[in-house]
Amino acid sequence: MPKIKTNRGAAKRFKRNASGTFKRNASHRRHILTKKSSKRKRHLRDPEALHKADVKSARRMIPYC
């Protein structure tokens, strides 16, 4: 049986926790930051858990993590 290729885009976006859930970074923090409040940017810093509806597809894209 051949090895399964890891989806490199997904591997760069998601990291797996010890409990098996995936964490992801928030969007909207790349550019046009002057109009966004400090509070909004601060809350975008923290990693979020991937939504449970997306975990199955993330696990399929990153089989060896």
PDB file of N, CA and C in Angstrom:
ATOM      1  N   MET A   1       0.848  -1.181   0.000  1.00  0.00           N
ATOM      2  CA  MET A   1       0.000   0.000   0.000  1.00  0.00           C
ATOM      3  C   MET A   1       0.896   1.248   0.000  1.00  0.00           C
ATOM      4  N   PRO A   2       0.702   2.161  -0.942  1.00  0.00           N
ATOM      5  CA  PRO A   2       1.561   3.351  -0.978  1.00  0.00           C
ATOM      6  C   PRO A   2       1.215   4.333   0.137  1.00  0.00           C
ATOM      7  N   LYS A   3       2.175   5.181   0.434  1.00  0.00           N
ATOM      8  CA  LYS A   3       1.963   6.218   1.438  1.00  0.00           C
ATOM      9  C   LYS A   3       0.989   7.255   0.888  1.00  0.00           C
ATOM     10  N   ILE A   4       0.303   7.929   1.788  1.00  0.00           N
ATOM     11  CA  ILE A   4      -0.623   8.989   1.402  1.00  0.00           C
ATOM     12  C   ILE A   4       0.118  10.317   1.478  1.00  0.00           C
ATOM     13  N   LYS A   5      -0.029  11.129   0.453  1.00  0.00           N
ATOM     14  CA  LYS A   5       0.615  12.446   0.471  1.00  0.00           C
ATOM     15  C   LYS A   5      -0.135  13.391   1.394  1.00  0.00           C
ATOM     16  N   THR A   6       0.623  14.160   2.146  1.00  0.00           N
ATOM     17  CA  THR A   6       0.053  15.191   3.003  1.00  0.00           C
ATOM     18  C   THR A   6      -0.262  16.411   2.157  1.00  0.00           C
ATOM     19  N   ASN A   7      -1.423  16.998   2.370  1.00  0.00           N
ATOM     20  CA  ASN A   7      -1.770  18.251   1.716  1.00  0.00           C
ATOM     21  C   ASN A   7      -0.952  19.358   2.370  1.00  0.00           C
ATOM     22  N   ARG A   8       0.009  19.924   1.640  1.00  0.00           N
ATOM     23  CA  ARG A   8       0.957  20.857   2.232  1.00  0.00           C
ATOM     24  C   ARG A   8       0.293  22.158   2.665  1.00  0.00           C
ATOM     25  N   GLY A   9      -0.742  22.594   1.969  1.00  0.00           N
ATOM     26  CA  GLY A   9      -1.454  23.804   2.382  1.00  0.00           C
ATOM     27  C   GLY A   9      -2.117  23.617   3.734  1.00  0.00           C
ATOM     28  N   ALA A  10      -2.716  22.442   3.936  1.00  0.00           N
ATOM     29  CA  ALA A  10      -3.369  22.143   5.217  1.00  0.00           C
ATOM     30  C   ALA A  10      -2.336  21.964   6.325  1.00  0.00           C
ATOM     31  N   ALA A  11      -1.186  21.367   6.001  1.00  0.00           N
ATOM     32  CA  ALA A  11      -0.150  21.148   7.008  1.00  0.00           C
ATOM     33  C   ALA A  11       0.398  22.475   7.535  1.00  0.00           C
ATOM     34  N   LYS A  12       0.412  23.498   6.697  1.00  0.00           N
ATOM     35  CA  LYS A  12       0.897  24.799   7.128  1.00  0.00           C
ATOM     36  C   LYS A  12      -0.159  25.566   7.916  1.00  0.00           C
ATOM     37  N   ARG A  13      -1.420  25.242   7.749  1.00  0.00           N
ATOM     38  CA  ARG A  13      -2.503  25.982   8.390  1.00  0.00           C
ATOM     39  C   ARG A  13      -2.960  25.377   9.706  1.00  0.00           C
ATOM     40  N   PHE A  14      -2.915  24.048   9.825  1.00  0.00           N
ATOM     41  CA  PHE A  14      -3.463  23.382  11.001  1.00  0.00           C
ATOM     42  C   PHE A  14      -2.386  22.621  11.748  1.00  0.00           C
ATOM     43  N   LYS A  15      -2.494  22.606  13.068  1.00  0.00           N
ATOM     44  CA  LYS A  15      -1.622  21.803  13.909  1.00  0.00           C
ATOM     45  C   LYS A  15      -2.524  20.947  14.786  1.00  0.00           C
ATOM     46  N   ARG A  16      -2.090  19.719  15.045  1.00  0.00           N
ATOM     47  CA  ARG A  16      -2.901  18.802  15.823  1.00  0.00           C
ATOM     48  C   ARG A  16      -2.501  18.849  17.294  1.00  0.00           C
ATOM     49  N   ASN A  17      -3.484  18.893  18.186  1.00  0.00           N
ATOM     50  CA  ASN A  17      -3.244  18.864  19.621  1.00  0.00           C
ATOM     51  C   ASN A  17      -3.127  17.422  20.092  1.00  0.00           C
ATOM     52  N   ALA A  18      -2.721  17.245  21.319  1.00  0.00           N
ATOM     53  CA  ALA A  18      -2.585  15.899  21.880  1.00  0.00           C
ATOM     54  C   ALA A  18      -3.935  15.206  21.985  1.00  0.00           C
ATOM     55  N   SER A  19      -4.997  15.985  22.146  1.00  0.00           N
ATOM     56  CA  SER A  19      -6.339  15.403  22.270  1.00  0.00           C
ATOM     57  C   SER A  19      -6.931  15.011  20.928  1.00  0.00           C
ATOM     58  N   GLY A  20      -6.236  15.350  19.823  1.00  0.00           N
ATOM     59  CA  GLY A  20      -6.722  14.985  18.502  1.00  0.00           C
ATOM     60  C   GLY A  20      -7.463  16.087  17.787  1.00  0.00           C
ATOM     61  N   THR A  21      -7.705  17.207  18.479  1.00  0.00           N
ATOM     62  CA  THR A  21      -8.358  18.338  17.823  1.00  0.00           C
ATOM     63  C   THR A  21      -7.306  19.135  17.056  1.00  0.00           C
ATOM     64  N   PHE A  22      -7.753  19.979  16.159  1.00  0.00           N
ATOM     65  CA  PHE A  22      -6.843  20.796  15.374  1.00  0.00           C
ATOM     66  C   PHE A  22      -6.991  22.246  15.778  1.00  0.00           C
ATOM     67  N   LYS A  23      -5.862  22.967  15.801  1.00  0.00           N
ATOM     68  CA  LYS A  23      -5.923  24.401  16.049  1.00  0.00           C
ATOM     69  C   LYS A  23      -5.569  25.135  14.767  1.00  0.00           C
ATOM     70  N   ARG A  24      -6.102  26.335  14.639  1.00  0.00           N
ATOM     71  CA  ARG A  24      -5.883  27.149  13.446  1.00  0.00           C
ATOM     72  C   ARG A  24      -5.751  28.600  13.867  1.00  0.00           C
ATOM     73  N   ASN A  25      -5.100  29.387  13.028  1.00  0.00           N
ATOM     74  CA  ASN A  25      -4.985  30.810  13.291  1.00  0.00           C
ATOM     75  C   ASN A  25      -6.150  31.555  12.650  1.00  0.00           C
ATOM     76  N   ALA A  26      -6.455  32.712  13.191  1.00  0.00           N
ATOM     77  CA  ALA A  26      -7.554  33.518  12.675  1.00  0.00           C
ATOM     78  C   ALA A  26      -7.129  34.254  11.409  1.00  0.00           C
ATOM     79  N   SER A  27      -8.107  34.544  10.576  1.00  0.00           N
ATOM     80  CA  SER A  27      -7.843  35.319   9.365  1.00  0.00           C
ATOM     81  C   SER A  27      -7.974  36.818   9.676  1.00  0.00           C
ATOM     82  N   HIS A  28      -7.776  37.656   8.691  1.00  0.00           N
ATOM     83  CA  HIS A  28      -7.933  39.118   8.765  1.00  0.00           C
ATOM     84  C   HIS A  28      -6.840  39.810   9.577  1.00  0.00           C
ATOM     85  N   ARG A  29      -5.637  39.238   9.632  1.00  0.00           N
ATOM     86  CA  ARG A  29      -4.551  39.910  10.347  1.00  0.00           C
ATOM     87  C   ARG A  29      -3.350  40.163   9.474  1.00  0.00           C
ATOM     88  N   ARG A  30      -3.500  40.198   8.171  1.00  0.00           N
ATOM     89  CA  ARG A  30      -2.367  40.332   7.264  1.00  0.00           C
ATOM     90  C   ARG A  30      -2.100  41.779   6.858  1.00  0.00           C
ATOM     91  N   HIS A  31      -3.132  42.487   6.488  1.00  0.00           N
ATOM     92  CA  HIS A  31      -2.939  43.858   6.003  1.00  0.00           C
ATOM     93  C   HIS A  31      -4.194  44.661   6.308  1.00  0.00           C
ATOM     94  N   ILE A  32      -4.141  45.976   6.009  1.00  0.00           N
ATOM     95  CA  ILE A  32      -5.208  46.927   6.337  1.00  0.00           C
ATOM     96  C   ILE A  32      -5.518  46.849   7.840  1.00  0.00           C
ATOM     97  N   LEU A  33      -4.465  46.982   8.650  1.00  0.00           N
ATOM     98  CA  LEU A  33      -4.626  46.838  10.087  1.00  0.00           C
ATOM     99  C   LEU A  33      -4.920  48.166  10.787  1.00  0.00           C
ATOM    100  N   THR A  34      -4.743  49.290  10.090  1.00  0.00           N
ATOM    101  CA  THR A  34      -4.914  50.588  10.748  1.00  0.00           C
ATOM    102  C   THR A  34      -6.367  50.852  11.115  1.00  0.00           C
ATOM    103  N   LYS A  35      -7.300  50.368  10.322  1.00  0.00           N
ATOM    104  CA  LYS A  35      -8.717  50.621  10.616  1.00  0.00           C
ATOM    105  C   LYS A  35      -9.294  49.645  11.641  1.00  0.00           C
ATOM    106  N   LYS A  36      -8.557  48.602  11.957  1.00  0.00           N
ATOM    107  CA  LYS A  36      -9.047  47.612  12.922  1.00  0.00           C
ATOM    108  C   LYS A  36      -8.617  48.021  14.323  1.00  0.00           C
ATOM    109  N   SER A  37      -9.504  47.836  15.280  1.00  0.00           N
ATOM    110  CA  SER A  37      -9.204  48.244  16.657  1.00  0.00           C
ATOM    111  C   SER A  37      -8.169  47.310  17.280  1.00  0.00           C
ATOM    112  N   SER A  38      -7.506  47.814  18.305  1.00  0.00           N
ATOM    113  CA  SER A  38      -6.499  47.016  19.007  1.00  0.00           C
ATOM    114  C   SER A  38      -7.132  45.780  19.635  1.00  0.00           C
ATOM    115  N   LYS A  39      -8.332  45.926  20.147  1.00  0.00           N
ATOM    116  CA  LYS A  39      -9.031  44.802  20.756  1.00  0.00           C
ATOM    117  C   LYS A  39      -9.295  43.710  19.721  1.00  0.00           C
ATOM    118  N   ARG A  40      -9.732  44.125  18.532  1.00  0.00           N
ATOM    119  CA  ARG A  40     -10.027  43.154  17.467  1.00  0.00           C
ATOM    120  C   ARG A  40      -8.772  42.405  17.043  1.00  0.00           C
ATOM    121  N   LYS A  41      -7.658  43.153  16.884  1.00  0.00           N
ATOM    122  CA  LYS A  41      -6.398  42.524  16.480  1.00  0.00           C
ATOM    123  C   LYS A  41      -5.852  41.608  17.579  1.00  0.00           C
ATOM    124  N   ARG A  42      -6.027  42.003  18.821  1.00  0.00           N
ATOM    125  CA  ARG A  42      -5.559  41.195  19.952  1.00  0.00           C
ATOM    126  C   ARG A  42      -6.313  39.871  20.016  1.00  0.00           C
ATOM    127  N   HIS A  43      -7.611  39.901  19.778  1.00  0.00           N
ATOM    128  CA  HIS A  43      -8.398  38.665  19.815  1.00  0.00           C
ATOM    129  C   HIS A  43      -8.092  37.767  18.616  1.00  0.00           C
ATOM    130  N   LEU A  44      -7.649  38.342  17.527  1.00  0.00           N
ATOM    131  CA  LEU A  44      -7.295  37.536  16.356  1.00  0.00           C
ATOM    132  C   LEU A  44      -5.958  36.820  16.537  1.00  0.00           C
ATOM    133  N   ARG A  45      -5.188  37.214  17.551  1.00  0.00           N
ATOM    134  CA  ARG A  45      -3.891  36.589  17.808  1.00  0.00           C
ATOM    135  C   ARG A  45      -4.023  35.142  18.284  1.00  0.00           C
ATOM    136  N   ASP A  46      -5.017  34.887  19.107  1.00  0.00           N
ATOM    137  CA  ASP A  46      -5.142  33.582  19.759  1.00  0.00           C
ATOM    138  C   ASP A  46      -5.565  32.503  18.764  1.00  0.00           C
ATOM    139  N   PRO A  47      -4.958  31.318  18.847  1.00  0.00           N
ATOM    140  CA  PRO A  47      -5.399  30.221  17.985  1.00  0.00           C
ATOM    141  C   PRO A  47      -6.773  29.713  18.403  1.00  0.00           C
ATOM    142  N   GLU A  48      -7.556  29.323  17.432  1.00  0.00           N
ATOM    143  CA  GLU A  48      -8.892  28.791  17.664  1.00  0.00           C
ATOM    144  C   GLU A  48      -8.899  27.305  17.366  1.00  0.00           C
ATOM    145  N   ALA A  49      -9.878  26.609  17.879  1.00  0.00           N
ATOM    146  CA  ALA A  49     -10.058  25.200  17.530  1.00  0.00           C
ATOM    147  C   ALA A  49     -10.784  25.128  16.194  1.00  0.00           C
ATOM    148  N   LEU A  50     -10.398  24.177  15.384  1.00  0.00           N
ATOM    149  CA  LEU A  50     -11.069  23.966  14.107  1.00  0.00           C
ATOM    150  C   LEU A  50     -12.483  23.487  14.388  1.00  0.00           C
ATOM    151  N   HIS A  51     -13.448  23.950  13.609  1.00  0.00           N
ATOM    152  CA  HIS A  51     -14.841  23.561  13.801  1.00  0.00           C
ATOM    153  C   HIS A  51     -14.982  22.056  13.620  1.00  0.00           C
ATOM    154  N   LYS A  52     -15.846  21.447  14.414  1.00  0.00           N
ATOM    155  CA  LYS A  52     -15.932  19.984  14.407  1.00  0.00           C
ATOM    156  C   LYS A  52     -16.411  19.428  13.065  1.00  0.00           C
ATOM    157  N   ALA A  53     -17.096  20.243  12.269  1.00  0.00           N
ATOM    158  CA  ALA A  53     -17.531  19.796  10.949  1.00  0.00           C
ATOM    159  C   ALA A  53     -16.350  19.673   9.987  1.00  0.00           C
ATOM    160  N   ASP A  54     -15.258  20.369  10.264  1.00  0.00           N
ATOM    161  CA  ASP A  54     -14.093  20.363   9.379  1.00  0.00           C
ATOM    162  C   ASP A  54     -12.986  19.415   9.831  1.00  0.00           C
ATOM    163  N   VAL A  55     -13.113  18.827  10.997  1.00  0.00           N
ATOM    164  CA  VAL A  55     -12.047  17.986  11.550  1.00  0.00           C
ATOM    165  C   VAL A  55     -11.814  16.742  10.696  1.00  0.00           C
ATOM    166  N   LYS A  56     -12.882  16.142  10.191  1.00  0.00           N
ATOM    167  CA  LYS A  56     -12.756  14.920   9.395  1.00  0.00           C
ATOM    168  C   LYS A  56     -11.941  15.173   8.129  1.00  0.00           C
ATOM    169  N   SER A  57     -12.217  16.272   7.442  1.00  0.00           N
ATOM    170  CA  SER A  57     -11.473  16.572   6.224  1.00  0.00           C
ATOM    171  C   SER A  57     -10.036  16.972   6.534  1.00  0.00           C
ATOM    172  N   ALA A  58      -9.807  17.648   7.663  1.00  0.00           N
ATOM    173  CA  ALA A  58      -8.437  18.012   8.054  1.00  0.00           C
ATOM    174  C   ALA A  58      -7.628  16.764   8.384  1.00  0.00           C
ATOM    175  N   ARG A  59      -8.249  15.806   9.052  1.00  0.00           N
ATOM    176  CA  ARG A  59      -7.565  14.558   9.392  1.00  0.00           C
ATOM    177  C   ARG A  59      -7.194  13.778   8.135  1.00  0.00           C
ATOM    178  N   ARG A  60      -8.050  13.862   7.121  1.00  0.00           N
ATOM    179  CA  ARG A  60      -7.770  13.184   5.861  1.00  0.00           C
ATOM    180  C   ARG A  60      -6.632  13.873   5.103  1.00  0.00           C
ATOM    181  N   MET A  61      -6.554  15.195   5.199  1.00  0.00           N
ATOM    182  CA  MET A  61      -5.517  15.940   4.495  1.00  0.00           C
ATOM    183  C   MET A  61      -4.162  15.825   5.179  1.00  0.00           C
ATOM    184  N   ILE A  62      -4.152  15.614   6.504  1.00  0.00           N
ATOM    185  CA  ILE A  62      -2.892  15.509   7.251  1.00  0.00           C
ATOM    186  C   ILE A  62      -2.871  14.150   7.947  1.00  0.00           C
ATOM    187  N   PRO A  63      -2.588  13.071   7.227  1.00  0.00           N
ATOM    188  CA  PRO A  63      -2.736  11.739   7.806  1.00  0.00           C
ATOM    189  C   PRO A  63      -1.655  11.361   8.823  1.00  0.00           C
ATOM    190  N   TYR A  64      -0.481  11.945   8.764  1.00  0.00           N
ATOM    191  CA  TYR A  64       0.636  11.484   9.598  1.00  0.00           C
ATOM    192  C   TYR A  64       1.017  12.444  10.714  1.00  0.00           C
ATOM    193  N   CYS A  65       0.103  13.349  11.109  1.00  0.00           N
ATOM    194  CA  CYS A  65       0.487  14.283  12.168  1.00  0.00           C
ATOM    195  C   CYS A  65      -0.020  13.815  13.510  1.00  0.00           C
TER     196      CYS A  65
END
